[in-house]
Amino acid sequence: MYKNGDFIFGGLFEVDFLTVFPELSFRTEPEPPYCEQFVMESFQQAQTMAFAIDEINKNPNLLPNITLGYQVYDNCLMLGMAFRAAISLASGTGESFSNLNCTGPPPVIGIVGDSSSTASIAISSILGLFRVPIVSHYATCSCLSDRKKYPSFFITIPSDAFQVRAMVPILKYFGWTWFGLVYSDDDYGIYAAQSFHQEMQLFGGCVAFSEILPHDNNHRDICPGTCAS
């Protein structure tokens, strides 16, 4: 989605859940990847961003004589797609280069997204060097709170460390002291698991086991040695 304006905001949303990469024959120029499996919730989040900007433009008391625009990409919940989109937003190159002169929409003044902690880490590591503001509505990895590594990254919800600490009163209420931990094989899951282990040591609880769930559907990764072919 794109809307012109005096200042452009970028957006990264997982409107689709799966990236399909074309086969590479190395004989012709590869086709660009495309996305499948539509996600209504994330599409509504993208529409919310567009609606908010339109409402600001309608109010003459907020930004008089200034019109905001937006350029929203679908990250397909894939690091490569999200990173490619973020670089396009920040550089203003769009999809094409002509005689070494970049063509396309102007660079954005800030980005809303990404929803994934892993993608946010990668994007902020680069765009933070140029102080491009990035405001995520979903990435909660506590590592992103490091202002030295990610000086221009902000989140709108509590980090994983805060959420883990908030669990302790609940555990005390029920008298639970023995736990099993299952987490995703990405930065979001790994950092959350570390925070959980630290809090359990302070709380006096016991983590009986920790298991990682891989992102792909490879049976050898999900249950090695036990899955039928």
C-alpha atoms as a PDB file:
ATOM      1  CA  MET A   1       0.000   0.000   0.000  1.00  0.00           C
ATOM      2  CA  TYR A   2       1.254   3.473  -0.822  1.00  0.00           C
ATOM      3  CA  LYS A   3       0.019   7.001  -0.275  1.00  0.00           C
ATOM      4  CA  ASN A   4       1.990  10.099  -1.212  1.00  0.00           C
ATOM      5  CA  GLY A   5       2.689  12.897   1.245  1.00  0.00           C
ATOM      6  CA  ASP A   6       5.188  15.514   2.371  1.00  0.00           C
ATOM      7  CA  PHE A   7       6.621  12.960   4.797  1.00  0.00           C
ATOM      8  CA  ILE A   8       6.355   9.206   4.308  1.00  0.00           C
ATOM      9  CA  PHE A   9       6.151   6.566   7.041  1.00  0.00           C
ATOM     10  CA  GLY A  10       7.090   2.978   6.312  1.00  0.00           C
ATOM     11  CA  GLY A  11       5.253  -0.089   7.563  1.00  0.00           C
ATOM     12  CA  LEU A  12       6.208  -3.765   7.842  1.00  0.00           C
ATOM     13  CA  PHE A  13       3.364  -6.207   8.520  1.00  0.00           C
ATOM     14  CA  GLU A  14       2.958  -9.967   8.112  1.00  0.00           C
ATOM     15  CA  VAL A  15      -0.055  -9.757   5.837  1.00  0.00           C
ATOM     16  CA  ASP A  16       0.855 -13.208   4.537  1.00  0.00           C
ATOM     17  CA  PHE A  17       2.367 -16.054   6.506  1.00  0.00           C
ATOM     18  CA  LEU A  18       4.481 -17.913   3.952  1.00  0.00           C
ATOM     19  CA  THR A  19       7.145 -16.918   1.455  1.00  0.00           C
ATOM     20  CA  VAL A  20       7.460 -18.943  -1.765  1.00  0.00           C
ATOM     21  CA  PHE A  21      10.847 -18.721  -3.456  1.00  0.00           C
ATOM     22  CA  PRO A  22      11.094 -19.576  -7.172  1.00  0.00           C
ATOM     23  CA  GLU A  23      13.405 -22.283  -8.414  1.00  0.00           C
ATOM     24  CA  LEU A  24      16.836 -21.048  -9.480  1.00  0.00           C
ATOM     25  CA  SER A  25      18.009 -22.347 -12.853  1.00  0.00           C
ATOM     26  CA  PHE A  26      20.918 -19.867 -13.139  1.00  0.00           C
ATOM     27  CA  ARG A  27      20.037 -19.490 -16.823  1.00  0.00           C
ATOM     28  CA  THR A  28      17.536 -16.653 -16.557  1.00  0.00           C
ATOM     29  CA  GLU A  29      16.878 -13.799 -14.172  1.00  0.00           C
ATOM     30  CA  PRO A  30      15.119 -15.249 -11.109  1.00  0.00           C
ATOM     31  CA  GLU A  31      11.535 -14.347 -10.448  1.00  0.00           C
ATOM     32  CA  PRO A  32      10.914 -12.407  -7.218  1.00  0.00           C
ATOM     33  CA  PRO A  33       9.566 -14.384  -4.250  1.00  0.00           C
ATOM     34  CA  TYR A  34       5.893 -14.059  -3.446  1.00  0.00           C
ATOM     35  CA  CYS A  35       3.699 -14.575  -0.395  1.00  0.00           C
ATOM     36  CA  GLU A  36       0.836 -16.942   0.432  1.00  0.00           C
ATOM     37  CA  GLN A  37      -1.602 -17.683   3.280  1.00  0.00           C
ATOM     38  CA  PHE A  38      -3.369 -14.415   4.049  1.00  0.00           C
ATOM     39  CA  VAL A  39      -3.475 -13.277   7.718  1.00  0.00           C
ATOM     40  CA  MET A  40      -6.503 -11.090   8.459  1.00  0.00           C
ATOM     41  CA  GLU A  41      -5.272  -9.807  11.844  1.00  0.00           C
ATOM     42  CA  SER A  42      -2.037  -8.413  10.432  1.00  0.00           C
ATOM     43  CA  PHE A  43      -3.867  -6.938   7.447  1.00  0.00           C
ATOM     44  CA  GLN A  44      -6.127  -5.107   9.898  1.00  0.00           C
ATOM     45  CA  GLN A  45      -3.038  -3.784  11.690  1.00  0.00           C
ATOM     46  CA  ALA A  46      -1.712  -2.403   8.403  1.00  0.00           C
ATOM     47  CA  GLN A  47      -5.105  -0.837   7.704  1.00  0.00           C
ATOM     48  CA  THR A  48      -5.044   0.694  11.198  1.00  0.00           C
ATOM     49  CA  MET A  49      -1.776   2.445  10.398  1.00  0.00           C
ATOM     50  CA  ALA A  50      -3.237   3.810   7.157  1.00  0.00           C
ATOM     51  CA  PHE A  51      -6.418   4.897   8.971  1.00  0.00           C
ATOM     52  CA  ALA A  52      -4.424   6.707  11.691  1.00  0.00           C
ATOM     53  CA  ILE A  53      -2.408   8.644   9.118  1.00  0.00           C
ATOM     54  CA  ASP A  54      -5.553   9.580   7.211  1.00  0.00           C
ATOM     55  CA  GLU A  55      -7.162  10.841  10.430  1.00  0.00           C
ATOM     56  CA  ILE A  56      -4.099  12.983  11.197  1.00  0.00           C
ATOM     57  CA  ASN A  57      -4.234  14.475   7.708  1.00  0.00           C
ATOM     58  CA  LYS A  58      -7.926  15.333   8.138  1.00  0.00           C
ATOM     59  CA  ASN A  59      -7.286  17.301  11.330  1.00  0.00           C
ATOM     60  CA  PRO A  60      -5.913  20.783  10.446  1.00  0.00           C
ATOM     61  CA  ASN A  61      -4.874  21.388  14.056  1.00  0.00           C
ATOM     62  CA  LEU A  62      -2.366  18.531  14.268  1.00  0.00           C
ATOM     63  CA  LEU A  63       0.022  19.135  11.363  1.00  0.00           C
ATOM     64  CA  PRO A  64      -1.087  22.250   9.487  1.00  0.00           C
ATOM     65  CA  ASN A  65       0.199  22.523   5.918  1.00  0.00           C
ATOM     66  CA  ILE A  66       1.851  19.089   6.200  1.00  0.00           C
ATOM     67  CA  THR A  67       0.538  15.876   4.678  1.00  0.00           C
ATOM     68  CA  LEU A  68       1.676  12.468   5.868  1.00  0.00           C
ATOM     69  CA  GLY A  69       1.939   9.471   3.580  1.00  0.00           C
ATOM     70  CA  TYR A  70       2.785   5.811   3.978  1.00  0.00           C
ATOM     71  CA  GLN A  71       4.388   2.920   2.189  1.00  0.00           C
ATOM     72  CA  VAL A  72       3.520  -0.508   3.604  1.00  0.00           C
ATOM     73  CA  TYR A  73       5.236  -3.790   2.764  1.00  0.00           C
ATOM     74  CA  ASP A  74       4.217  -7.380   3.451  1.00  0.00           C
ATOM     75  CA  ASN A  75       7.128  -9.105   5.212  1.00  0.00           C
ATOM     76  CA  CYS A  76       5.584 -12.608   4.827  1.00  0.00           C
ATOM     77  CA  LEU A  77       6.978 -13.388   8.292  1.00  0.00           C
ATOM     78  CA  MET A  78      10.366 -14.019   6.660  1.00  0.00           C
ATOM     79  CA  LEU A  79      13.622 -12.330   7.671  1.00  0.00           C
ATOM     80  CA  GLY A  80      14.886 -11.949   4.109  1.00  0.00           C
ATOM     81  CA  MET A  81      11.677 -10.329   2.899  1.00  0.00           C
ATOM     82  CA  ALA A  82      11.457  -8.006   5.905  1.00  0.00           C
ATOM     83  CA  PHE A  83      15.084  -6.904   5.612  1.00  0.00           C
ATOM     84  CA  ARG A  84      14.761  -6.294   1.885  1.00  0.00           C
ATOM     85  CA  ALA A  85      11.631  -4.198   2.445  1.00  0.00           C
ATOM     86  CA  ALA A  86      13.220  -2.177   5.263  1.00  0.00           C
ATOM     87  CA  ILE A  87      16.258  -1.312   3.140  1.00  0.00           C
ATOM     88  CA  SER A  88      13.957  -0.234   0.287  1.00  0.00           C
ATOM     89  CA  LEU A  89      11.965   1.964   2.673  1.00  0.00           C
ATOM     90  CA  ALA A  90      15.011   3.619   4.208  1.00  0.00           C
ATOM     91  CA  SER A  91      16.883   4.149   0.935  1.00  0.00           C
ATOM     92  CA  GLY A  92      13.951   5.136  -1.255  1.00  0.00           C
ATOM     93  CA  THR A  93      15.144   2.820  -4.013  1.00  0.00           C
ATOM     94  CA  GLY A  94      11.925   0.890  -4.387  1.00  0.00           C
ATOM     95  CA  GLU A  95      12.448  -2.014  -6.754  1.00  0.00           C
ATOM     96  CA  SER A  96      14.488  -0.456  -9.559  1.00  0.00           C
ATOM     97  CA  PHE A  97      17.812   1.192 -10.342  1.00  0.00           C
ATOM     98  CA  SER A  98      18.383   3.219 -13.499  1.00  0.00           C
ATOM     99  CA  ASN A  99      21.841   4.374 -14.642  1.00  0.00           C
ATOM    100  CA  LEU A 100      23.044   4.310 -11.052  1.00  0.00           C
ATOM    101  CA  ASN A 101      20.375   6.877 -10.161  1.00  0.00           C
ATOM    102  CA  CYS A 102      17.999   5.482  -7.563  1.00  0.00           C
ATOM    103  CA  THR A 103      14.383   5.802  -8.567  1.00  0.00           C
ATOM    104  CA  GLY A 104      11.266   5.276  -6.543  1.00  0.00           C
ATOM    105  CA  PRO A 105       9.426   6.830  -3.601  1.00  0.00           C
ATOM    106  CA  PRO A 106      11.338   9.076  -1.176  1.00  0.00           C
ATOM    107  CA  PRO A 107      13.035   7.565   1.886  1.00  0.00           C
ATOM    108  CA  VAL A 108      10.746   7.181   4.875  1.00  0.00           C
ATOM    109  CA  ILE A 109      11.234   9.207   8.065  1.00  0.00           C
ATOM    110  CA  GLY A 110      10.354   6.250  10.280  1.00  0.00           C
ATOM    111  CA  ILE A 111       9.127   2.647  10.182  1.00  0.00           C
ATOM    112  CA  VAL A 112       6.269   0.948  11.992  1.00  0.00           C
ATOM    113  CA  GLY A 113       7.314  -2.687  12.519  1.00  0.00           C
ATOM    114  CA  ASP A 114       8.646  -5.276  12.251  1.00  0.00           C
ATOM    115  CA  SER A 115       6.437  -7.643  14.242  1.00  0.00           C
ATOM    116  CA  SER A 116       9.163 -10.284  14.571  1.00  0.00           C
ATOM    117  CA  SER A 117      11.954  -9.868  17.122  1.00  0.00           C
ATOM    118  CA  THR A 118      14.500 -11.567  14.830  1.00  0.00           C
ATOM    119  CA  ALA A 119      13.690  -9.278  11.914  1.00  0.00           C
ATOM    120  CA  SER A 120      13.651  -6.218  14.200  1.00  0.00           C
ATOM    121  CA  ILE A 121      17.136  -7.093  15.471  1.00  0.00           C
ATOM    122  CA  ALA A 122      18.521  -7.395  11.935  1.00  0.00           C
ATOM    123  CA  ILE A 123      16.811  -4.246  10.654  1.00  0.00           C
ATOM    124  CA  SER A 124      17.678  -2.122  13.696  1.00  0.00           C
ATOM    125  CA  SER A 125      21.316  -3.190  13.542  1.00  0.00           C
ATOM    126  CA  ILE A 126      21.598  -1.482  10.155  1.00  0.00           C
ATOM    127  CA  LEU A 127      19.071   1.347  10.214  1.00  0.00           C
ATOM    128  CA  GLY A 128      20.060   2.270  13.765  1.00  0.00           C
ATOM    129  CA  LEU A 129      23.404   3.426  12.358  1.00  0.00           C
ATOM    130  CA  PHE A 130      21.484   6.119  10.487  1.00  0.00           C
ATOM    131  CA  ARG A 131      19.113   6.839  13.409  1.00  0.00           C
ATOM    132  CA  VAL A 132      16.032   5.821  11.442  1.00  0.00           C
ATOM    133  CA  PRO A 133      13.201   5.575  14.032  1.00  0.00           C
ATOM    134  CA  ILE A 134      11.650   2.121  14.224  1.00  0.00           C
ATOM    135  CA  VAL A 135       8.542   1.540  16.355  1.00  0.00           C
ATOM    136  CA  SER A 136       7.428  -2.080  16.654  1.00  0.00           C
ATOM    137  CA  HIS A 137       3.934  -3.057  17.693  1.00  0.00           C
ATOM    138  CA  TYR A 138       4.813  -6.697  18.398  1.00  0.00           C
ATOM    139  CA  ALA A 139       8.559  -7.403  18.837  1.00  0.00           C
ATOM    140  CA  THR A 140       9.138  -7.967  22.554  1.00  0.00           C
ATOM    141  CA  CYS A 141      12.651  -9.421  22.829  1.00  0.00           C
ATOM    142  CA  SER A 142      14.297  -7.859  25.893  1.00  0.00           C
ATOM    143  CA  CYS A 143      17.546  -7.586  23.926  1.00  0.00           C
ATOM    144  CA  LEU A 144      15.980  -4.779  21.865  1.00  0.00           C
ATOM    145  CA  SER A 145      15.950  -2.572  24.976  1.00  0.00           C
ATOM    146  CA  ASP A 146      19.728  -2.142  24.647  1.00  0.00           C
ATOM    147  CA  ARG A 147      20.062   1.527  23.672  1.00  0.00           C
ATOM    148  CA  LYS A 148      23.712   1.149  22.636  1.00  0.00           C
ATOM    149  CA  LYS A 149      22.953  -1.568  20.094  1.00  0.00           C
ATOM    150  CA  TYR A 150      19.547  -0.301  18.985  1.00  0.00           C
ATOM    151  CA  PRO A 151      19.488   3.462  19.608  1.00  0.00           C
ATOM    152  CA  SER A 152      16.461   4.229  17.421  1.00  0.00           C
ATOM    153  CA  PHE A 153      14.273   1.192  18.153  1.00  0.00           C
ATOM    154  CA  PHE A 154      11.147   1.463  20.321  1.00  0.00           C
ATOM    155  CA  ILE A 155       8.323  -0.906  21.271  1.00  0.00           C
ATOM    156  CA  THR A 156       4.771  -0.108  22.315  1.00  0.00           C
ATOM    157  CA  ILE A 157       4.247  -3.131  24.609  1.00  0.00           C
ATOM    158  CA  PRO A 158       6.249  -4.528  27.564  1.00  0.00           C
ATOM    159  CA  SER A 159       9.349  -6.590  26.765  1.00  0.00           C
ATOM    160  CA  ASP A 160       9.641 -10.305  27.471  1.00  0.00           C
ATOM    161  CA  ALA A 161      11.640  -9.631  30.642  1.00  0.00           C
ATOM    162  CA  PHE A 162       8.765  -7.585  32.074  1.00  0.00           C
ATOM    163  CA  GLN A 163       6.204 -10.200  31.050  1.00  0.00           C
ATOM    164  CA  VAL A 164       8.226 -12.997  32.659  1.00  0.00           C
ATOM    165  CA  ARG A 165       8.537 -11.052  35.918  1.00  0.00           C
ATOM    166  CA  ALA A 166       4.779 -10.473  35.841  1.00  0.00           C
ATOM    167  CA  MET A 167       4.279 -14.249  35.916  1.00  0.00           C
ATOM    168  CA  VAL A 168       5.913 -14.662  39.351  1.00  0.00           C
ATOM    169  CA  PRO A 169       2.898 -13.428  41.410  1.00  0.00           C
ATOM    170  CA  ILE A 170       0.691 -15.892  39.523  1.00  0.00           C
ATOM    171  CA  LEU A 171       3.080 -18.757  40.246  1.00  0.00           C
ATOM    172  CA  LYS A 172       3.202 -17.805  43.919  1.00  0.00           C
ATOM    173  CA  TYR A 173      -0.579 -17.642  44.085  1.00  0.00           C
ATOM    174  CA  PHE A 174      -0.976 -21.203  42.800  1.00  0.00           C
ATOM    175  CA  GLY A 175       2.069 -22.473  44.701  1.00  0.00           C
ATOM    176  CA  TRP A 176       3.772 -23.811  41.569  1.00  0.00           C
ATOM    177  CA  THR A 177       7.518 -24.481  41.842  1.00  0.00           C
ATOM    178  CA  TRP A 178       8.231 -27.073  39.129  1.00  0.00           C
ATOM    179  CA  PHE A 179       7.999 -26.177  35.437  1.00  0.00           C
ATOM    180  CA  GLY A 180       8.619 -27.349  31.911  1.00  0.00           C
ATOM    181  CA  LEU A 181       9.662 -24.831  29.261  1.00  0.00           C
ATOM    182  CA  VAL A 182       8.899 -25.016  25.528  1.00  0.00           C
ATOM    183  CA  TYR A 183      10.048 -22.122  23.331  1.00  0.00           C
ATOM    184  CA  SER A 184      10.600 -21.211  19.692  1.00  0.00           C
ATOM    185  CA  ASP A 185      13.945 -21.466  17.935  1.00  0.00           C
ATOM    186  CA  ASP A 186      14.446 -17.757  17.322  1.00  0.00           C
ATOM    187  CA  ASP A 187      15.622 -14.650  19.160  1.00  0.00           C
ATOM    188  CA  TYR A 188      12.192 -14.115  20.668  1.00  0.00           C
ATOM    189  CA  GLY A 189      12.073 -17.590  22.194  1.00  0.00           C
ATOM    190  CA  ILE A 190      15.726 -17.869  23.195  1.00  0.00           C
ATOM    191  CA  TYR A 191      15.875 -14.552  25.059  1.00  0.00           C
ATOM    192  CA  ALA A 192      12.516 -15.219  26.713  1.00  0.00           C
ATOM    193  CA  ALA A 193      13.793 -18.605  27.895  1.00  0.00           C
ATOM    194  CA  GLN A 194      16.902 -16.979  29.359  1.00  0.00           C
ATOM    195  CA  SER A 195      14.760 -14.459  31.237  1.00  0.00           C
ATOM    196  CA  PHE A 196      12.532 -17.271  32.508  1.00  0.00           C
ATOM    197  CA  HIS A 197      15.503 -19.278  33.827  1.00  0.00           C
ATOM    198  CA  GLN A 198      16.870 -16.198  35.604  1.00  0.00           C
ATOM    199  CA  GLU A 199      13.537 -15.393  37.219  1.00  0.00           C
ATOM    200  CA  MET A 200      13.064 -18.991  38.344  1.00  0.00           C
ATOM    201  CA  GLN A 201      16.462 -18.943  40.062  1.00  0.00           C
ATOM    202  CA  LEU A 202      15.413 -15.856  42.021  1.00  0.00           C
ATOM    203  CA  PHE A 203      11.962 -17.278  42.660  1.00  0.00           C
ATOM    204  CA  GLY A 204      13.280 -20.640  43.831  1.00  0.00           C
ATOM    205  CA  GLY A 205      11.465 -22.664  41.190  1.00  0.00           C
ATOM    206  CA  CYS A 206      12.831 -25.618  39.233  1.00  0.00           C
ATOM    207  CA  VAL A 207      12.870 -25.837  35.436  1.00  0.00           C
ATOM    208  CA  ALA A 208      12.574 -29.586  34.925  1.00  0.00           C
ATOM    209  CA  PHE A 209      13.141 -29.491  31.153  1.00  0.00           C
ATOM    210  CA  SER A 210      13.555 -27.064  28.236  1.00  0.00           C
ATOM    211  CA  GLU A 211      12.607 -27.949  24.673  1.00  0.00           C
ATOM    212  CA  ILE A 212      13.005 -25.908  21.494  1.00  0.00           C
ATOM    213  CA  LEU A 213      10.369 -25.995  18.760  1.00  0.00           C
ATOM    214  CA  PRO A 214      11.897 -25.433  15.282  1.00  0.00           C
ATOM    215  CA  HIS A 215      10.207 -23.077  12.843  1.00  0.00           C
ATOM    216  CA  ASP A 216      10.245 -25.384   9.832  1.00  0.00           C
ATOM    217  CA  ASN A 217       8.192 -28.530   9.280  1.00  0.00           C
ATOM    218  CA  ASN A 218      11.148 -30.866   8.899  1.00  0.00           C
ATOM    219  CA  HIS A 219      10.297 -34.009  10.870  1.00  0.00           C
ATOM    220  CA  ARG A 220      13.950 -34.686  11.583  1.00  0.00           C
ATOM    221  CA  ASP A 221      14.166 -31.366  13.429  1.00  0.00           C
ATOM    222  CA  ILE A 222      10.846 -31.691  15.254  1.00  0.00           C
ATOM    223  CA  CYS A 223      11.313 -35.219  16.589  1.00  0.00           C
ATOM    224  CA  PRO A 224      14.699 -36.660  15.533  1.00  0.00           C
ATOM    225  CA  GLY A 225      14.842 -40.427  15.420  1.00  0.00           C
ATOM    226  CA  THR A 226      11.162 -40.944  16.294  1.00  0.00           C
ATOM    227  CA  CYS A 227       9.103 -39.639  13.354  1.00  0.00           C
ATOM    228  CA  ALA A 228       7.944 -41.936  10.610  1.00  0.00           C
ATOM    229  CA  SER A 229       8.994 -41.018   7.097  1.00  0.00           C
END
